[in-house]
Amino acid sequence: MRIIDVHTHPVFGTKATPAQLQRWIDHGRRHHIVHMIVLGDVLLFGPTPNAAQLRHINDDTARAARLFPDYFTAFCYLNPLLGERAVMREVERCVAQPGFRGIKLEIANNAAHPCMRHVAKAARTFNLPVLQHSWSVVNIRNSQHQSDPSTTALFARRNPDVKIIMAHLTGIGFRGVLEAKGLPNLYVDTSGGFPEEGLIEYAAEHLGADHVLYGSDLPIRENSVTIGRILGARISAADKQRMLFGNTARLLNLPLN
């Protein structure tokens, strides 16, 4: 099966050279990954980067997509707390470059914060999906910044015309799947921790297989494990192919044959 990885950070910790990026491409192809979505080194400057730091991160992401346009697609990393003008300016700057097809959010604020209206405006203006870092805050004290699946789902309900990817299926767990249920504009990616038995099947049952996207969180997670959780799931081969390739290709309108 061909695979698209919707959640990767091949530029991580240091500026990636063409040779380093090529090694990630070779690694991906060994696992039948034909395309990767690059989300940037999002915590390079901590949880709340300023405008100059965002430009630095997004420039590194853009470079990967520019050097290897057939393999890497870029998402524009934002800090919504910087305000509407800063958000719109950075998204405009990103989409003026080839290879950008989405927005990435991390932990500057949780997805219920009023500043998320700036992200929604940018997403509508440029027709971009939003990938929101999400994790259950039941055992996390810093819920002011972490987006619990309930707050990511709230963002989706507030903005039904914006396509949203709730990251980290393992991190949101079974409760997160139920929070996402019934929201046609909300998708879930499968990254985040070791596989949990029955979780892929549960997501397919409650969300529909067409709302589940394969993601690894490379290089933090290992592709063989994250792919194996889908290949080993008790779902049809057609549903596996949707999760691994078709859903992301369709959502991002990727021109992949």
C-alpha atoms as a PDB file:
ATOM      1  CA  MET A   1       0.000   0.000   0.000  1.00  0.00           C
ATOM      2  CA  ARG A   2       1.163   3.524  -0.774  1.00  0.00           C
ATOM      3  CA  ILE A   3       1.324   5.826   2.245  1.00  0.00           C
ATOM      4  CA  ILE A   4       1.204   9.561   2.956  1.00  0.00           C
ATOM      5  CA  ASP A   5       2.459  10.614   6.391  1.00  0.00           C
ATOM      6  CA  VAL A   6       0.451  13.664   7.467  1.00  0.00           C
ATOM      7  CA  HIS A   7       2.448  14.354  10.655  1.00  0.00           C
ATOM      8  CA  THR A   8       6.244  14.613  10.357  1.00  0.00           C
ATOM      9  CA  HIS A   9       9.080  16.815  11.613  1.00  0.00           C
ATOM     10  CA  PRO A  10      12.064  15.946   9.382  1.00  0.00           C
ATOM     11  CA  VAL A  11      13.551  19.362  10.202  1.00  0.00           C
ATOM     12  CA  PHE A  12      14.086  18.794  13.914  1.00  0.00           C
ATOM     13  CA  GLY A  13      16.673  20.243  16.291  1.00  0.00           C
ATOM     14  CA  THR A  14      18.959  21.608  13.574  1.00  0.00           C
ATOM     15  CA  LYS A  15      18.686  23.004  10.077  1.00  0.00           C
ATOM     16  CA  ALA A  16      18.375  20.010   7.774  1.00  0.00           C
ATOM     17  CA  THR A  17      20.840  19.728   4.922  1.00  0.00           C
ATOM     18  CA  PRO A  18      19.799  18.309   1.540  1.00  0.00           C
ATOM     19  CA  ALA A  19      21.674  15.117   2.454  1.00  0.00           C
ATOM     20  CA  GLN A  20      19.780  14.789   5.747  1.00  0.00           C
ATOM     21  CA  LEU A  21      16.457  15.372   4.021  1.00  0.00           C
ATOM     22  CA  GLN A  22      17.362  12.774   1.415  1.00  0.00           C
ATOM     23  CA  ARG A  23      18.010  10.275   4.198  1.00  0.00           C
ATOM     24  CA  TRP A  24      14.485  10.871   5.514  1.00  0.00           C
ATOM     25  CA  ILE A  25      13.115  10.384   2.016  1.00  0.00           C
ATOM     26  CA  ASP A  26      15.039   7.120   1.652  1.00  0.00           C
ATOM     27  CA  HIS A  27      13.766   6.053   5.089  1.00  0.00           C
ATOM     28  CA  GLY A  28      10.193   6.855   4.103  1.00  0.00           C
ATOM     29  CA  ARG A  29      10.376   5.032   0.800  1.00  0.00           C
ATOM     30  CA  ARG A  30      11.618   1.913   2.557  1.00  0.00           C
ATOM     31  CA  HIS A  31       8.296   2.018   4.416  1.00  0.00           C
ATOM     32  CA  HIS A  32       6.268   2.705   1.231  1.00  0.00           C
ATOM     33  CA  ILE A  33       5.726   6.343   2.233  1.00  0.00           C
ATOM     34  CA  VAL A  34       5.432   8.281  -1.007  1.00  0.00           C
ATOM     35  CA  HIS A  35       4.872  11.723   0.545  1.00  0.00           C
ATOM     36  CA  MET A  36       5.359  13.507   3.889  1.00  0.00           C
ATOM     37  CA  ILE A  37       3.690  16.576   5.369  1.00  0.00           C
ATOM     38  CA  VAL A  38       6.341  18.727   7.085  1.00  0.00           C
ATOM     39  CA  LEU A  39       5.077  20.521  10.211  1.00  0.00           C
ATOM     40  CA  GLY A  40       8.309  22.224  11.254  1.00  0.00           C
ATOM     41  CA  ASP A  41      10.457  22.184  14.391  1.00  0.00           C
ATOM     42  CA  VAL A  42       7.559  23.665  16.332  1.00  0.00           C
ATOM     43  CA  LEU A  43       9.120  23.782  19.819  1.00  0.00           C
ATOM     44  CA  LEU A  44      12.511  25.095  18.716  1.00  0.00           C
ATOM     45  CA  PHE A  45      11.881  28.403  20.517  1.00  0.00           C
ATOM     46  CA  GLY A  46       9.471  27.157  23.171  1.00  0.00           C
ATOM     47  CA  PRO A  47       5.667  27.125  23.201  1.00  0.00           C
ATOM     48  CA  THR A  48       5.048  30.791  22.270  1.00  0.00           C
ATOM     49  CA  PRO A  49       7.428  31.851  19.480  1.00  0.00           C
ATOM     50  CA  ASN A  50       7.495  35.456  18.333  1.00  0.00           C
ATOM     51  CA  ALA A  51       7.029  36.555  14.715  1.00  0.00           C
ATOM     52  CA  ALA A  52      10.730  36.363  13.835  1.00  0.00           C
ATOM     53  CA  GLN A  53      11.020  32.880  15.359  1.00  0.00           C
ATOM     54  CA  LEU A  54       7.972  31.695  13.406  1.00  0.00           C
ATOM     55  CA  ARG A  55       9.559  32.955  10.199  1.00  0.00           C
ATOM     56  CA  HIS A  56      12.729  31.016  11.025  1.00  0.00           C
ATOM     57  CA  ILE A  57      10.801  27.776  11.577  1.00  0.00           C
ATOM     58  CA  ASN A  58       8.617  28.219   8.510  1.00  0.00           C
ATOM     59  CA  ASP A  59      11.601  29.117   6.339  1.00  0.00           C
ATOM     60  CA  ASP A  60      13.234  25.800   7.258  1.00  0.00           C
ATOM     61  CA  THR A  61       9.995  24.004   6.404  1.00  0.00           C
ATOM     62  CA  ALA A  62       9.727  25.876   3.118  1.00  0.00           C
ATOM     63  CA  ARG A  63      13.277  24.909   2.233  1.00  0.00           C
ATOM     64  CA  ALA A  64      12.455  21.192   2.546  1.00  0.00           C
ATOM     65  CA  ALA A  65       9.428  21.584   0.252  1.00  0.00           C
ATOM     66  CA  ARG A  66      11.428  23.662  -2.201  1.00  0.00           C
ATOM     67  CA  LEU A  67      14.335  21.206  -2.385  1.00  0.00           C
ATOM     68  CA  PHE A  68      12.124  18.107  -2.676  1.00  0.00           C
ATOM     69  CA  PRO A  69       8.706  19.266  -3.944  1.00  0.00           C
ATOM     70  CA  ASP A  70       7.689  15.781  -5.093  1.00  0.00           C
ATOM     71  CA  TYR A  71       8.123  14.383  -1.580  1.00  0.00           C
ATOM     72  CA  PHE A  72       7.455  17.153   0.973  1.00  0.00           C
ATOM     73  CA  THR A  73       4.394  19.346   1.478  1.00  0.00           C
ATOM     74  CA  ALA A  74       4.598  22.153   4.055  1.00  0.00           C
ATOM     75  CA  PHE A  75       2.284  23.428   6.785  1.00  0.00           C
ATOM     76  CA  CYS A  76       2.635  26.988   8.108  1.00  0.00           C
ATOM     77  CA  TYR A  77       3.286  27.090  11.865  1.00  0.00           C
ATOM     78  CA  LEU A  78       1.489  29.863  13.780  1.00  0.00           C
ATOM     79  CA  ASN A  79       1.214  31.388  17.235  1.00  0.00           C
ATOM     80  CA  PRO A  80      -2.395  32.663  17.398  1.00  0.00           C
ATOM     81  CA  LEU A  81      -1.631  34.783  20.479  1.00  0.00           C
ATOM     82  CA  LEU A  82       0.316  37.227  18.278  1.00  0.00           C
ATOM     83  CA  GLY A  83      -2.972  38.559  16.936  1.00  0.00           C
ATOM     84  CA  GLU A  84      -4.863  38.762  13.671  1.00  0.00           C
ATOM     85  CA  ARG A  85      -2.405  40.958  11.783  1.00  0.00           C
ATOM     86  CA  ALA A  86       0.585  38.754  12.618  1.00  0.00           C
ATOM     87  CA  VAL A  87      -1.320  35.539  11.829  1.00  0.00           C
ATOM     88  CA  MET A  88      -2.559  36.795   8.461  1.00  0.00           C
ATOM     89  CA  ARG A  89       0.837  38.222   7.545  1.00  0.00           C
ATOM     90  CA  GLU A  90       2.652  34.953   8.229  1.00  0.00           C
ATOM     91  CA  VAL A  91       0.115  32.808   6.397  1.00  0.00           C
ATOM     92  CA  GLU A  92       0.245  35.172   3.413  1.00  0.00           C
ATOM     93  CA  ARG A  93       4.035  34.889   3.436  1.00  0.00           C
ATOM     94  CA  CYS A  94       3.889  31.088   3.613  1.00  0.00           C
ATOM     95  CA  VAL A  95       1.334  30.527   0.865  1.00  0.00           C
ATOM     96  CA  ALA A  96       3.254  32.836  -1.476  1.00  0.00           C
ATOM     97  CA  GLN A  97       5.898  30.101  -1.531  1.00  0.00           C
ATOM     98  CA  PRO A  98       5.396  26.764  -3.293  1.00  0.00           C
ATOM     99  CA  GLY A  99       4.463  23.694  -1.294  1.00  0.00           C
ATOM    100  CA  PHE A 100       2.328  25.104   1.561  1.00  0.00           C
ATOM    101  CA  ARG A 101      -1.088  23.462   1.942  1.00  0.00           C
ATOM    102  CA  GLY A 102      -2.043  23.795   5.615  1.00  0.00           C
ATOM    103  CA  ILE A 103      -1.670  25.440   9.040  1.00  0.00           C
ATOM    104  CA  LYS A 104      -0.002  23.869  12.078  1.00  0.00           C
ATOM    105  CA  LEU A 105      -0.760  24.788  15.709  1.00  0.00           C
ATOM    106  CA  GLU A 106       1.043  23.504  18.798  1.00  0.00           C
ATOM    107  CA  ILE A 107       0.707  24.630  22.440  1.00  0.00           C
ATOM    108  CA  ALA A 108       0.765  28.439  22.459  1.00  0.00           C
ATOM    109  CA  ASN A 109      -2.881  28.290  23.624  1.00  0.00           C
ATOM    110  CA  ASN A 110      -5.674  25.778  23.768  1.00  0.00           C
ATOM    111  CA  ALA A 111      -8.134  25.556  20.907  1.00  0.00           C
ATOM    112  CA  ALA A 112     -10.981  27.181  22.886  1.00  0.00           C
ATOM    113  CA  HIS A 113      -9.086  30.493  23.208  1.00  0.00           C
ATOM    114  CA  PRO A 114     -10.713  33.495  21.486  1.00  0.00           C
ATOM    115  CA  CYS A 115      -7.528  34.102  19.480  1.00  0.00           C
ATOM    116  CA  MET A 116      -8.357  31.009  17.423  1.00  0.00           C
ATOM    117  CA  ARG A 117     -10.717  33.178  15.388  1.00  0.00           C
ATOM    118  CA  HIS A 118      -7.610  34.592  13.687  1.00  0.00           C
ATOM    119  CA  VAL A 119      -6.593  31.085  12.617  1.00  0.00           C
ATOM    120  CA  ALA A 120     -10.090  30.356  11.342  1.00  0.00           C
ATOM    121  CA  LYS A 121     -10.018  33.560   9.286  1.00  0.00           C
ATOM    122  CA  ALA A 122      -6.674  32.608   7.733  1.00  0.00           C
ATOM    123  CA  ALA A 123      -7.873  29.077   7.022  1.00  0.00           C
ATOM    124  CA  ARG A 124     -10.996  30.384   5.269  1.00  0.00           C
ATOM    125  CA  THR A 125      -9.152  33.066   3.339  1.00  0.00           C
ATOM    126  CA  PHE A 126      -6.587  30.681   1.900  1.00  0.00           C
ATOM    127  CA  ASN A 127      -8.638  27.452   1.979  1.00  0.00           C
ATOM    128  CA  LEU A 128      -6.191  25.647   4.284  1.00  0.00           C
ATOM    129  CA  PRO A 129      -6.848  22.840   6.786  1.00  0.00           C
ATOM    130  CA  VAL A 130      -5.657  23.338  10.366  1.00  0.00           C
ATOM    131  CA  LEU A 131      -3.690  20.625  12.163  1.00  0.00           C
ATOM    132  CA  GLN A 132      -4.099  21.195  15.908  1.00  0.00           C
ATOM    133  CA  HIS A 133      -1.874  19.445  18.452  1.00  0.00           C
ATOM    134  CA  SER A 134      -4.316  17.692  20.771  1.00  0.00           C
ATOM    135  CA  TRP A 135      -3.862  15.581  23.903  1.00  0.00           C
ATOM    136  CA  SER A 136      -6.085  14.558  26.755  1.00  0.00           C
ATOM    137  CA  VAL A 137      -5.432  16.892  29.688  1.00  0.00           C
ATOM    138  CA  VAL A 138      -6.841  14.521  32.304  1.00  0.00           C
ATOM    139  CA  ASN A 139      -3.296  13.926  33.574  1.00  0.00           C
ATOM    140  CA  ILE A 140      -1.749  17.203  32.383  1.00  0.00           C
ATOM    141  CA  ARG A 141      -1.769  20.226  34.683  1.00  0.00           C
ATOM    142  CA  ASN A 142      -1.059  22.850  32.028  1.00  0.00           C
ATOM    143  CA  SER A 143      -4.470  22.759  30.365  1.00  0.00           C
ATOM    144  CA  GLN A 144      -4.261  26.487  29.594  1.00  0.00           C
ATOM    145  CA  HIS A 145      -1.957  25.665  26.679  1.00  0.00           C
ATOM    146  CA  GLN A 146      -2.696  22.020  25.843  1.00  0.00           C
ATOM    147  CA  SER A 147      -5.670  21.437  23.561  1.00  0.00           C
ATOM    148  CA  ASP A 148      -7.813  18.698  25.033  1.00  0.00           C
ATOM    149  CA  PRO A 149      -9.853  16.844  22.383  1.00  0.00           C
ATOM    150  CA  SER A 150     -12.927  18.608  23.762  1.00  0.00           C
ATOM    151  CA  THR A 151     -11.468  22.043  22.944  1.00  0.00           C
ATOM    152  CA  THR A 152     -10.289  20.980  19.484  1.00  0.00           C
ATOM    153  CA  ALA A 153     -13.794  19.653  18.833  1.00  0.00           C
ATOM    154  CA  LEU A 154     -15.213  22.976  20.069  1.00  0.00           C
ATOM    155  CA  PHE A 155     -13.030  24.808  17.539  1.00  0.00           C
ATOM    156  CA  ALA A 156     -14.440  22.539  14.826  1.00  0.00           C
ATOM    157  CA  ARG A 157     -18.026  23.191  15.922  1.00  0.00           C
ATOM    158  CA  ARG A 158     -17.437  26.945  15.970  1.00  0.00           C
ATOM    159  CA  ASN A 159     -15.986  26.832  12.448  1.00  0.00           C
ATOM    160  CA  PRO A 160     -17.873  24.196  10.456  1.00  0.00           C
ATOM    161  CA  ASP A 161     -16.498  25.571   7.184  1.00  0.00           C
ATOM    162  CA  VAL A 162     -12.864  24.967   8.259  1.00  0.00           C
ATOM    163  CA  LYS A 163     -11.265  21.537   7.895  1.00  0.00           C
ATOM    164  CA  ILE A 164      -9.463  20.584  11.104  1.00  0.00           C
ATOM    165  CA  ILE A 165      -7.114  17.697  11.912  1.00  0.00           C
ATOM    166  CA  MET A 166      -7.059  16.649  15.561  1.00  0.00           C
ATOM    167  CA  ALA A 167      -3.544  15.299  16.066  1.00  0.00           C
ATOM    168  CA  HIS A 168      -2.437  12.291  18.103  1.00  0.00           C
ATOM    169  CA  LEU A 169      -5.027   9.527  18.212  1.00  0.00           C
ATOM    170  CA  THR A 170      -3.193   7.777  21.049  1.00  0.00           C
ATOM    171  CA  GLY A 171      -2.964  11.055  22.974  1.00  0.00           C
ATOM    172  CA  ILE A 172      -6.683  11.790  22.672  1.00  0.00           C
ATOM    173  CA  GLY A 173      -7.701   8.154  23.188  1.00  0.00           C
ATOM    174  CA  PHE A 174     -11.190   6.688  23.094  1.00  0.00           C
ATOM    175  CA  ARG A 175     -12.679   9.793  24.713  1.00  0.00           C
ATOM    176  CA  GLY A 176     -11.155  11.961  22.003  1.00  0.00           C
ATOM    177  CA  VAL A 177     -12.768   9.857  19.302  1.00  0.00           C
ATOM    178  CA  LEU A 178     -16.160  10.435  20.916  1.00  0.00           C
ATOM    179  CA  GLU A 179     -15.476  14.182  21.146  1.00  0.00           C
ATOM    180  CA  ALA A 180     -14.775  14.219  17.385  1.00  0.00           C
ATOM    181  CA  LYS A 181     -17.785  12.107  16.478  1.00  0.00           C
ATOM    182  CA  GLY A 182     -20.440  13.744  14.344  1.00  0.00           C
ATOM    183  CA  LEU A 183     -18.273  16.651  13.124  1.00  0.00           C
ATOM    184  CA  PRO A 184     -17.862  16.288   9.361  1.00  0.00           C
ATOM    185  CA  ASN A 185     -15.105  18.937   9.180  1.00  0.00           C
ATOM    186  CA  LEU A 186     -12.963  17.209  11.830  1.00  0.00           C
ATOM    187  CA  TYR A 187     -10.356  14.530  11.085  1.00  0.00           C
ATOM    188  CA  VAL A 188      -8.021  12.626  13.416  1.00  0.00           C
ATOM    189  CA  ASP A 189      -4.420  11.665  12.711  1.00  0.00           C
ATOM    190  CA  THR A 190      -3.010   8.442  14.154  1.00  0.00           C
ATOM    191  CA  SER A 191       0.249   9.779  15.641  1.00  0.00           C
ATOM    192  CA  GLY A 192       1.139   9.978  19.314  1.00  0.00           C
ATOM    193  CA  GLY A 193       2.583   7.135  21.363  1.00  0.00           C
ATOM    194  CA  PHE A 194       2.559   3.389  21.096  1.00  0.00           C
ATOM    195  CA  PRO A 195      -0.443   1.595  19.558  1.00  0.00           C
ATOM    196  CA  GLU A 196      -3.387   0.814  21.802  1.00  0.00           C
ATOM    197  CA  GLU A 197      -5.415  -2.275  20.995  1.00  0.00           C
ATOM    198  CA  GLY A 198      -8.774  -1.557  19.420  1.00  0.00           C
ATOM    199  CA  LEU A 199      -8.277   2.199  19.042  1.00  0.00           C
ATOM    200  CA  ILE A 200      -7.984   2.232  15.240  1.00  0.00           C
ATOM    201  CA  GLU A 201     -11.074   0.067  14.958  1.00  0.00           C
ATOM    202  CA  TYR A 202     -12.920   2.341  17.406  1.00  0.00           C
ATOM    203  CA  ALA A 203     -12.012   5.431  15.372  1.00  0.00           C
ATOM    204  CA  ALA A 204     -13.131   3.772  12.137  1.00  0.00           C
ATOM    205  CA  GLU A 205     -16.443   2.764  13.715  1.00  0.00           C
ATOM    206  CA  HIS A 206     -17.304   6.119  15.287  1.00  0.00           C
ATOM    207  CA  LEU A 207     -15.730   8.598  12.858  1.00  0.00           C
ATOM    208  CA  GLY A 208     -15.712   6.604   9.650  1.00  0.00           C
ATOM    209  CA  ALA A 209     -12.491   5.397   8.074  1.00  0.00           C
ATOM    210  CA  ASP A 210     -12.534   8.405   5.745  1.00  0.00           C
ATOM    211  CA  HIS A 211     -11.915  10.717   8.732  1.00  0.00           C
ATOM    212  CA  VAL A 212      -8.768   8.961   9.999  1.00  0.00           C
ATOM    213  CA  LEU A 213      -5.364   9.986   8.594  1.00  0.00           C
ATOM    214  CA  TYR A 214      -2.075   8.153   9.001  1.00  0.00           C
ATOM    215  CA  GLY A 215       0.539  10.191  10.900  1.00  0.00           C
ATOM    216  CA  SER A 216       3.754   9.121  12.592  1.00  0.00           C
ATOM    217  CA  ASP A 217       5.273  12.162  14.392  1.00  0.00           C
ATOM    218  CA  LEU A 218       8.615  11.245  12.794  1.00  0.00           C
ATOM    219  CA  PRO A 219      11.388  11.371  14.079  1.00  0.00           C
ATOM    220  CA  ILE A 220       9.844  11.067  17.562  1.00  0.00           C
ATOM    221  CA  ARG A 221       7.963   7.891  16.577  1.00  0.00           C
ATOM    222  CA  GLU A 222       9.011   4.963  14.417  1.00  0.00           C
ATOM    223  CA  ASN A 223       7.228   4.472  11.096  1.00  0.00           C
ATOM    224  CA  SER A 224       7.253   0.685  11.223  1.00  0.00           C
ATOM    225  CA  VAL A 225       5.271   0.792  14.474  1.00  0.00           C
ATOM    226  CA  THR A 226       2.883   3.564  13.441  1.00  0.00           C
ATOM    227  CA  ILE A 227       2.145   1.924  10.088  1.00  0.00           C
ATOM    228  CA  GLY A 228       1.793  -1.473  11.731  1.00  0.00           C
ATOM    229  CA  ARG A 229      -0.984  -0.230  13.996  1.00  0.00           C
ATOM    230  CA  ILE A 230      -3.132   0.344  10.887  1.00  0.00           C
ATOM    231  CA  LEU A 231      -2.034  -2.696   8.904  1.00  0.00           C
ATOM    232  CA  GLY A 232      -2.759  -4.883  11.934  1.00  0.00           C
ATOM    233  CA  ALA A 233      -6.160  -3.365  12.661  1.00  0.00           C
ATOM    234  CA  ARG A 234      -9.285  -5.450  12.161  1.00  0.00           C
ATOM    235  CA  ILE A 235     -10.686  -3.294   9.372  1.00  0.00           C
ATOM    236  CA  SER A 236     -10.997  -3.842   5.632  1.00  0.00           C
ATOM    237  CA  ALA A 237      -8.089  -3.434   3.237  1.00  0.00           C
ATOM    238  CA  ALA A 238      -9.990  -0.602   1.567  1.00  0.00           C
ATOM    239  CA  ASP A 239     -10.308   1.251   4.884  1.00  0.00           C
ATOM    240  CA  LYS A 240      -6.606   0.771   5.578  1.00  0.00           C
ATOM    241  CA  GLN A 241      -5.750   2.279   2.190  1.00  0.00           C
ATOM    242  CA  ARG A 242      -8.043   5.239   2.901  1.00  0.00           C
ATOM    243  CA  MET A 243      -6.293   5.928   6.199  1.00  0.00           C
ATOM    244  CA  LEU A 244      -2.790   5.412   4.851  1.00  0.00           C
ATOM    245  CA  PHE A 245      -3.121   7.329   1.588  1.00  0.00           C
ATOM    246  CA  GLY A 246      -6.472   8.313   0.146  1.00  0.00           C
ATOM    247  CA  ASN A 247      -7.867  10.523   2.896  1.00  0.00           C
ATOM    248  CA  THR A 248      -4.847  12.822   3.116  1.00  0.00           C
ATOM    249  CA  ALA A 249      -4.441  12.972  -0.662  1.00  0.00           C
ATOM    250  CA  ARG A 250      -8.069  14.074  -0.957  1.00  0.00           C
ATOM    251  CA  LEU A 251      -8.052  16.481   2.009  1.00  0.00           C
ATOM    252  CA  LEU A 252      -4.940  18.316   0.798  1.00  0.00           C
ATOM    253  CA  ASN A 253      -5.694  17.915  -2.904  1.00  0.00           C
ATOM    254  CA  LEU A 254      -2.247  16.418  -3.449  1.00  0.00           C
ATOM    255  CA  PRO A 255      -1.391  15.787  -7.115  1.00  0.00           C
ATOM    256  CA  LEU A 256      -0.109  12.251  -6.531  1.00  0.00           C
ATOM    257  CA  ASN A 257      -0.674   9.584  -9.158  1.00  0.00           C
END
